[in-house]
Protein backbone atom coordinates (compact mmCIF):
# COMPACT_ATOMS: atom_id res chain seq x y z
CA MET A 1 79.73 94.40 77.52
CA ARG A 2 79.33 93.39 81.15
CA PRO A 3 82.33 94.85 83.01
CA SER A 4 82.93 93.87 86.60
CA PHE A 5 85.35 96.74 87.29
CA ILE A 6 84.92 100.38 86.23
CA VAL A 7 87.32 103.28 86.77
CA CYS A 8 85.42 106.52 87.47
CA ASP A 9 87.88 109.41 87.28
CA GLU A 10 86.18 112.56 88.64
CA PRO A 11 82.83 111.44 87.17
CA VAL A 12 80.74 114.16 88.83
CA SER A 13 83.24 116.97 89.48
CA ALA A 14 81.91 119.46 86.90
CA LEU A 15 78.23 118.75 87.51
CA ASP A 16 75.55 120.64 89.41
CA VAL A 17 74.93 119.20 92.91
CA SER A 18 71.47 117.85 91.98
CA ILE A 19 72.89 116.13 88.88
CA GLN A 20 75.78 114.78 90.99
CA ALA A 21 73.26 113.18 93.34
CA GLN A 22 71.39 111.57 90.45
CA ILE A 23 74.63 110.13 89.02
CA ILE A 24 75.72 108.80 92.44
CA ILE A 25 72.32 107.14 92.90
CA LEU A 26 72.58 105.61 89.41
CA LEU A 27 76.11 104.34 90.08
CA ALA A 28 75.00 102.81 93.39
CA ARG A 29 72.02 101.13 91.74
CA LEU A 30 74.16 99.73 88.90
CA ARG A 31 76.74 98.50 91.43
CA GLU A 32 74.05 96.48 93.20
CA GLU A 33 72.25 95.22 90.09
CA LEU A 34 75.38 94.26 88.13
CA SER A 35 77.74 93.41 91.02
CA LEU A 36 80.17 96.11 89.91
CA THR A 37 83.33 97.30 91.57
CA TYR A 38 84.31 100.94 91.09
CA LEU A 39 87.62 102.67 91.46
CA PHE A 40 86.12 106.09 92.20
CA ILE A 41 88.67 108.90 91.94
CA ALA A 42 87.53 112.25 93.33
CA HIS A 43 88.58 115.32 95.26
CA ASP A 44 85.15 115.90 96.79
CA LEU A 45 85.14 113.83 99.97
CA SER A 46 81.40 114.30 100.52
CA VAL A 47 80.82 112.51 97.19
CA VAL A 48 83.38 109.83 98.08
CA ARG A 49 81.55 109.17 101.34
CA ASN A 50 78.31 108.44 99.48
CA ILE A 51 79.74 105.97 96.96
CA SER A 52 82.73 104.25 98.57
CA ASP A 53 83.03 101.29 100.91
CA ARG A 54 86.80 101.72 101.24
CA VAL A 55 88.81 104.91 100.80
CA ALA A 56 92.46 105.48 99.95
CA VAL A 57 93.79 109.01 100.47
CA MET A 58 96.79 110.08 98.40
CA TYR A 59 99.13 113.03 98.67
CA LEU A 60 101.55 113.78 95.84
CA GLY A 61 101.02 110.32 94.37
CA LYS A 62 101.65 108.41 97.61
CA LEU A 63 99.07 106.56 99.67
CA VAL A 64 98.83 108.12 103.12
CA GLU A 65 95.73 106.39 104.53
CA ILE A 66 93.53 103.42 103.59
CA THR A 67 90.50 102.19 105.49
CA ASP A 68 86.78 101.62 105.22
CA SER A 69 84.65 104.67 104.59
CA ASP A 70 82.97 104.83 108.02
CA GLU A 71 86.33 104.53 109.81
CA LEU A 72 87.95 107.24 107.69
CA TYR A 73 85.19 109.76 108.35
CA SER A 74 84.94 108.99 112.07
CA ASN A 75 88.64 108.44 112.85
CA PRO A 76 91.01 110.03 110.31
CA LEU A 77 94.62 109.51 111.39
CA HIS A 78 96.91 111.10 108.81
CA PRO A 79 97.30 114.91 109.18
CA TYR A 80 96.48 115.38 105.47
CA THR A 81 93.27 113.36 105.79
CA VAL A 82 92.29 115.38 108.87
CA ALA A 83 92.88 118.62 106.94
CA LEU A 84 90.87 117.38 103.93
CA LEU A 85 87.93 116.36 106.09
CA SER A 86 87.98 119.68 107.93
CA ALA A 87 87.16 121.36 104.60
CA VAL A 88 84.07 119.22 103.86
CA PRO A 89 80.93 121.29 104.48
CA ILE A 90 78.56 120.04 107.18
CA PRO A 91 74.83 120.51 106.44
CA ASP A 92 74.17 121.91 109.94
CA PRO A 93 75.22 125.60 109.78
CA VAL A 94 75.73 125.88 113.54
CA VAL A 95 78.10 122.89 113.63
CA ASP A 96 79.80 123.98 110.40
CA ARG A 97 80.57 127.47 111.77
CA THR A 98 81.93 126.23 115.08
CA ARG A 99 84.21 123.43 113.97
CA GLU A 100 87.94 123.81 113.48
CA ARG A 101 89.13 124.12 109.90
CA ILE A 102 92.72 123.28 109.11
CA ILE A 103 94.22 125.63 106.56
CA LEU A 104 97.30 124.12 104.97
CA THR A 105 100.11 126.61 104.47
CA GLY A 106 103.06 126.55 102.12
CA ASP A 107 103.30 125.45 98.53
CA VAL A 108 102.47 122.00 97.24
CA PRO A 109 105.83 120.36 96.46
CA SER A 110 106.62 119.31 92.91
CA PRO A 111 105.56 115.71 92.19
CA ILE A 112 108.57 115.48 89.85
CA MET A 113 111.00 116.54 92.59
CA PRO A 114 109.26 115.62 95.87
CA PRO A 115 110.94 116.64 99.12
CA PRO A 116 113.03 114.09 101.02
CA GLY A 117 111.19 112.14 103.67
CA CYS A 118 107.42 112.42 103.89
CA ASN A 119 105.96 114.27 100.89
CA PHE A 120 103.54 116.08 103.20
CA HIS A 121 106.09 117.38 105.74
CA PRO A 122 106.51 120.89 104.19
CA ARG A 123 102.80 121.56 104.79
CA CYS A 124 102.25 119.51 107.95
CA GLN A 125 101.79 121.55 111.12
CA GLN A 126 102.96 118.58 113.22
CA ALA A 127 106.09 117.56 111.25
CA ILE A 128 109.13 116.51 113.26
CA ASP A 129 112.73 115.85 112.17
CA ILE A 130 112.17 112.24 111.06
CA CYS A 131 109.40 113.44 108.71
CA LYS A 132 112.02 115.45 106.79
CA GLN A 133 114.38 112.48 106.50
CA GLU A 134 112.45 109.21 106.08
CA MET A 135 109.45 108.31 103.96
CA PRO A 136 106.93 106.67 106.32
CA GLN A 137 105.67 103.21 105.45
CA LEU A 138 102.02 102.18 105.58
CA ILE A 139 101.44 100.56 108.96
CA ASN A 140 98.36 98.73 110.15
CA MET A 141 96.61 100.60 112.93
CA GLY A 142 94.23 97.73 113.60
CA GLY A 143 91.69 95.99 111.44
CA GLU A 144 91.89 97.34 107.92
CA HIS A 145 93.11 100.86 108.82
CA TRP A 146 96.51 101.64 107.31
CA VAL A 147 98.41 104.93 107.72
CA ALA A 148 101.75 106.22 106.46
CA CYS A 149 102.81 108.72 109.12
CA HIS A 150 105.66 108.85 111.63
CA LEU A 151 103.39 110.63 114.12
CA VAL A 152 100.76 107.89 114.24
CA LYS A 153 101.99 104.83 116.11
């Protein structure tokens, strides 16, 4: 078989960090050699950064941000993306200790019975009235950066 598209659902999540690195290197090599495209599903954004050209961030089954990898890590726009990235460890201990971490409060809403409006509004520190009433649409913020948030315009 010579697939051109492979779905990788949490392929390294239960592995030791050194084994994770070996698998990521193997996946990158195979991508180049065989011209593969991966749909790489993961919760570990440091792993995502090393394997992905484009990143889509989801919250409760809804896309909240889509852009290229470099743009996402340098300019996250959705409050959930910002919170996720604030939890990614930074190898420099001085920088890691001094940066702001965003701790999300509240309970994760039920995906079966999501709240009205934006799914993230019950946990968003910046939510305003419209967030509780209307589901935001993905809007283009320029180039290939798309965000679904009433606060980002």
